[in-house]
Amino acid sequence: MTGNKSEIARLIQVDTTFEPHFSIAELAAKWKLSRETVRQLVKDDPAVVKVRNGRRKAMTRYSVPASAASKIHTGLLNPTR
């Protein structure tokens, strides 16, 4: 199979509609990190749902599926070098 990482990721995406979702505040409390740190970690993940109220980025709500949260947290525990 040929293709770049994003192509492969798009092909094997899992439907996260019916799994639990977490807010930034919930993950920050669970991981004992600041909300800003958690936001920086999740903001570019393709599985994270972003709901923007208005035009300002400050009004963006993030909904993080449990599978994406697990993947991000595992990456914190086992960083690649």
Protein backbone atom coordinates (compact mmCIF):
# COMPACT_ATOMS: atom_id res chain seq x y z
CA MET A 1 0.00 0.00 0.00
CA THR A 2 1.43 3.34 -0.98
CA GLY A 3 0.45 6.71 0.42
CA ASN A 4 1.33 9.19 3.09
CA LYS A 5 0.34 9.02 6.76
CA SER A 6 -2.74 11.25 6.44
CA GLU A 7 -4.07 9.14 3.56
CA ILE A 8 -3.65 5.95 5.56
CA ALA A 9 -5.19 7.54 8.67
CA ARG A 10 -8.20 8.68 6.64
CA LEU A 11 -8.74 5.17 5.33
CA ILE A 12 -8.73 3.54 8.77
CA GLN A 13 -10.65 6.17 10.74
CA VAL A 14 -12.93 4.75 13.40
CA ASP A 15 -16.44 6.08 13.97
CA THR A 16 -16.35 7.83 17.36
CA THR A 17 -19.95 9.02 17.35
CA PHE A 18 -21.28 6.82 20.13
CA GLU A 19 -18.25 6.60 22.41
CA PRO A 20 -17.85 8.84 25.48
CA HIS A 21 -16.47 12.32 24.82
CA PHE A 22 -14.51 14.52 27.24
CA SER A 23 -14.15 18.28 27.55
CA ILE A 24 -10.80 20.02 27.94
CA ALA A 25 -11.56 20.66 31.64
CA GLU A 26 -12.38 16.98 32.27
CA LEU A 27 -9.14 15.80 30.67
CA ALA A 28 -7.12 18.48 32.48
CA ALA A 29 -8.46 17.29 35.84
CA LYS A 30 -7.99 13.62 34.95
CA TRP A 31 -4.41 14.09 33.68
CA LYS A 32 -3.50 16.77 36.26
CA LEU A 33 -2.44 19.25 33.58
CA SER A 34 -3.55 22.80 32.85
CA ARG A 35 -6.48 23.34 30.47
CA GLU A 36 -4.20 25.25 28.08
CA THR A 37 -1.72 22.34 27.97
CA VAL A 38 -4.52 19.87 27.20
CA ARG A 39 -5.93 22.21 24.54
CA GLN A 40 -2.53 22.38 22.86
CA LEU A 41 -2.30 18.57 22.92
CA VAL A 42 -5.73 17.91 21.39
CA LYS A 43 -6.33 20.87 19.06
CA ASP A 44 -4.77 19.30 15.94
CA ASP A 45 -6.06 15.75 16.39
CA PRO A 46 -8.42 14.86 13.50
CA ALA A 47 -10.77 12.89 15.79
CA VAL A 48 -11.44 15.88 18.08
CA VAL A 49 -14.71 17.70 17.43
CA LYS A 50 -14.34 21.49 17.42
CA VAL A 51 -17.45 23.65 17.86
CA ARG A 52 -16.81 27.33 17.26
CA ASN A 53 -19.32 29.85 18.63
CA GLY A 54 -18.82 33.06 16.72
CA ARG A 55 -15.66 34.06 14.94
CA ARG A 56 -13.27 34.17 17.87
CA LYS A 57 -11.04 31.19 18.52
CA ALA A 58 -11.52 31.80 22.25
CA MET A 59 -15.09 30.61 21.83
CA THR A 60 -14.15 27.15 20.53
CA ARG A 61 -15.34 24.08 22.47
CA TYR A 62 -13.47 20.82 22.05
CA SER A 63 -15.10 17.41 22.40
CA VAL A 64 -12.47 14.68 22.67
CA PRO A 65 -13.53 11.07 22.01
CA ALA A 66 -12.29 8.52 24.56
CA SER A 67 -10.21 6.73 21.90
CA ALA A 68 -8.45 9.97 20.90
CA ALA A 69 -7.86 10.89 24.56
CA SER A 70 -6.33 7.47 25.16
CA LYS A 71 -4.08 7.82 22.10
CA ILE A 72 -2.92 11.30 23.14
CA HIS A 73 -2.30 10.24 26.75
CA THR A 74 -0.35 7.16 25.62
CA GLY A 75 1.78 9.47 23.48
CA LEU A 76 2.56 11.52 26.60
CA LEU A 77 3.68 8.43 28.48
CA ASN A 78 5.68 6.96 25.57
CA PRO A 79 7.10 9.82 23.50
CA THR A 80 8.88 8.86 20.30
CA ARG A 81 12.39 10.17 19.98
